[in-house]
Amino acid sequence: MDKSEPMQMASSARPCAKTAPEQHYVQIDSLGLQQLEHLEKELEQAKQKILVLRAQEHRETSSPENKVSESRYWTNEERQRFKKALKTFGTDFAAIAKFVGTRSSTQVRTHAQKYYAKLIRDYKRSGKSPATVKGREEKATGATRLTTM
């Protein structure tokens, strides 16, 4: 068998007689049909593989050690853990995030900034002196600051 035989077989599968243009589009040779079926089968296999990979990715990102809260708002439980961790770890936001368990260190740092701002704002509204505000802030964080005179 030489290389020209497959070409002759493929061309012989098509009708030699002249047909109307409509009939030409309707007639599909058997090789073209087989190729189409093969490509459709490969497409289905690729779709299945994509679904499997997406499921694996979802499992990896939703594992407990990577769990980060989906909600924008902090729950009461998260706030309580945050305050306890703040007293224990000071400004080590990575340790606080690990202690809270559902927030990243960036989220913890942002929450701490807002928490401190709220403490200061509340104390100013209550009419307390700045020294009292500073003392209460230190008490809330558990940290003591050295002052030089």
Protein backbone atom coordinates (compact mmCIF):
# COMPACT_ATOMS: atom_id res chain seq x y z
CA MET A 1 0.00 0.00 0.00
CA ASP A 2 1.46 3.34 -0.95
CA LYS A 3 0.73 6.75 0.53
CA SER A 4 -1.66 7.72 -2.23
CA GLU A 5 -4.16 4.92 -1.47
CA PRO A 6 -5.71 6.50 1.66
CA MET A 7 -6.29 9.68 -0.30
CA GLN A 8 -7.99 7.70 -3.06
CA MET A 9 -10.18 5.90 -0.50
CA ALA A 10 -11.20 9.18 1.10
CA SER A 11 -12.02 10.74 -2.23
CA SER A 12 -13.84 7.62 -3.43
CA ALA A 13 -16.19 7.80 -0.45
CA ARG A 14 -17.71 10.90 -1.95
CA PRO A 15 -20.16 10.53 -4.83
CA CYS A 16 -18.67 11.30 -8.22
CA ALA A 17 -21.92 12.29 -9.85
CA LYS A 18 -22.86 15.94 -9.80
CA THR A 19 -25.53 16.61 -7.19
CA ALA A 20 -27.66 19.57 -6.29
CA PRO A 21 -26.00 22.01 -3.80
CA GLU A 22 -28.53 21.10 -1.08
CA GLN A 23 -27.73 17.39 -1.38
CA HIS A 24 -23.99 18.09 -1.26
CA TYR A 25 -24.27 19.59 2.23
CA VAL A 26 -26.48 16.76 3.50
CA GLN A 27 -24.10 14.02 2.40
CA ILE A 28 -21.30 13.41 4.89
CA ASP A 29 -18.66 10.86 4.11
CA SER A 30 -18.01 8.13 6.64
CA LEU A 31 -14.50 9.35 7.49
CA GLY A 32 -15.77 12.83 8.34
CA LEU A 33 -18.50 11.33 10.51
CA GLN A 34 -15.99 9.17 12.36
CA GLN A 35 -13.75 12.18 12.97
CA LEU A 36 -16.69 14.17 14.26
CA GLU A 37 -17.71 11.39 16.65
CA HIS A 38 -14.10 11.07 17.85
CA LEU A 39 -13.85 14.81 18.51
CA GLU A 40 -17.17 14.83 20.37
CA LYS A 41 -15.93 11.97 22.56
CA GLU A 42 -12.69 13.85 23.31
CA LEU A 43 -14.70 16.96 24.16
CA GLU A 44 -16.84 15.03 26.66
CA GLN A 45 -13.71 13.55 28.24
CA ALA A 46 -12.18 17.01 28.55
CA LYS A 47 -15.36 18.35 30.17
CA GLN A 48 -15.30 15.50 32.70
CA LYS A 49 -11.65 16.21 33.48
CA ILE A 50 -12.43 19.91 34.04
CA LEU A 51 -15.20 18.99 36.48
CA VAL A 52 -12.84 16.69 38.41
CA LEU A 53 -10.14 19.37 38.58
CA ARG A 54 -12.61 22.01 39.76
CA ALA A 55 -13.84 19.65 42.49
CA GLN A 56 -10.24 19.02 43.61
CA GLU A 57 -9.52 22.75 43.65
CA HIS A 58 -12.66 23.39 45.69
CA ARG A 59 -11.67 20.71 48.22
CA GLU A 60 -8.18 22.19 48.56
CA THR A 61 -9.38 25.76 49.06
CA SER A 62 -12.15 24.82 51.48
CA SER A 63 -9.95 22.77 53.81
CA PRO A 64 -10.07 23.82 57.49
CA GLU A 65 -6.52 25.18 57.59
CA ASN A 66 -7.29 27.56 54.69
CA LYS A 67 -10.71 28.52 56.02
CA VAL A 68 -11.28 32.27 55.86
CA SER A 69 -14.64 33.77 56.66
CA GLU A 70 -16.84 34.48 53.67
CA SER A 71 -18.78 37.16 55.54
CA ARG A 72 -17.66 40.74 55.57
CA TYR A 73 -18.98 41.28 59.09
CA TRP A 74 -17.38 39.88 62.22
CA THR A 75 -19.57 37.59 64.30
CA ASN A 76 -19.85 37.98 68.07
CA GLU A 77 -17.81 34.81 68.54
CA GLU A 78 -15.05 36.14 66.27
CA ARG A 79 -15.01 39.44 68.18
CA GLN A 80 -14.68 37.63 71.51
CA ARG A 81 -11.81 35.50 70.20
CA PHE A 82 -10.21 38.63 68.72
CA LYS A 83 -10.29 40.49 72.05
CA LYS A 84 -8.90 37.49 73.94
CA ALA A 85 -6.11 37.05 71.36
CA LEU A 86 -5.37 40.77 71.38
CA LYS A 87 -4.73 40.62 75.13
CA THR A 88 -2.61 37.49 74.73
CA PHE A 89 -0.57 38.26 71.59
CA GLY A 90 -0.53 42.08 71.48
CA THR A 91 0.04 43.23 67.90
CA ASP A 92 1.12 39.86 66.42
CA PHE A 93 -1.67 39.84 63.84
CA ALA A 94 -0.64 36.50 62.32
CA ALA A 95 -0.98 34.83 65.73
CA ILE A 96 -4.31 36.56 66.33
CA ALA A 97 -5.58 35.43 62.92
CA LYS A 98 -4.55 31.86 63.71
CA PHE A 99 -6.30 32.10 67.09
CA VAL A 100 -9.51 33.53 65.57
CA GLY A 101 -9.31 30.88 62.87
CA THR A 102 -11.67 32.38 60.32
CA ARG A 103 -9.85 35.61 59.39
CA SER A 104 -6.62 36.46 57.61
CA SER A 105 -3.91 38.55 59.25
CA THR A 106 -4.83 41.48 56.98
CA GLN A 107 -8.45 41.28 58.11
CA VAL A 108 -7.33 41.10 61.74
CA ARG A 109 -5.03 44.12 61.32
CA THR A 110 -7.83 46.16 59.75
CA HIS A 111 -10.25 45.09 62.47
CA ALA A 112 -7.71 46.09 65.15
CA GLN A 113 -7.32 49.55 63.61
CA LYS A 114 -11.08 50.03 63.64
CA TYR A 115 -11.32 48.58 67.14
CA TYR A 116 -8.74 51.06 68.49
CA ALA A 117 -10.41 53.96 66.67
CA LYS A 118 -13.76 52.99 68.19
CA LEU A 119 -12.26 52.80 71.69
CA ILE A 120 -10.78 56.28 71.33
CA ARG A 121 -13.98 57.69 69.81
CA ASP A 122 -16.15 56.20 72.59
CA TYR A 123 -13.89 57.55 75.33
CA LYS A 124 -13.80 61.01 73.78
CA ARG A 125 -17.59 61.06 73.62
CA SER A 126 -17.83 60.02 77.25
CA GLY A 127 -15.84 63.12 78.28
CA LYS A 128 -12.84 61.26 79.67
CA SER A 129 -9.43 62.89 79.65
CA PRO A 130 -6.81 61.78 77.08
CA ALA A 131 -4.72 60.14 79.84
CA THR A 132 -7.70 58.01 80.84
CA VAL A 133 -8.27 57.07 77.21
CA LYS A 134 -4.63 56.00 76.86
CA GLY A 135 -4.79 53.96 80.07
CA ARG A 136 -7.95 52.19 78.99
CA GLU A 137 -6.53 51.47 75.55
CA GLU A 138 -3.49 49.84 77.16
CA LYS A 139 -5.75 47.88 79.48
CA ALA A 140 -7.84 46.68 76.51
CA THR A 141 -4.77 45.43 74.62
CA GLY A 142 -2.91 44.17 77.64
CA ALA A 143 0.15 46.09 76.46
CA THR A 144 2.08 48.62 78.47
CA ARG A 145 3.90 51.48 76.83
CA LEU A 146 7.10 53.03 78.03
CA THR A 147 7.04 56.79 78.15
CA THR A 148 10.11 58.97 78.30
CA MET A 149 10.18 62.38 79.88
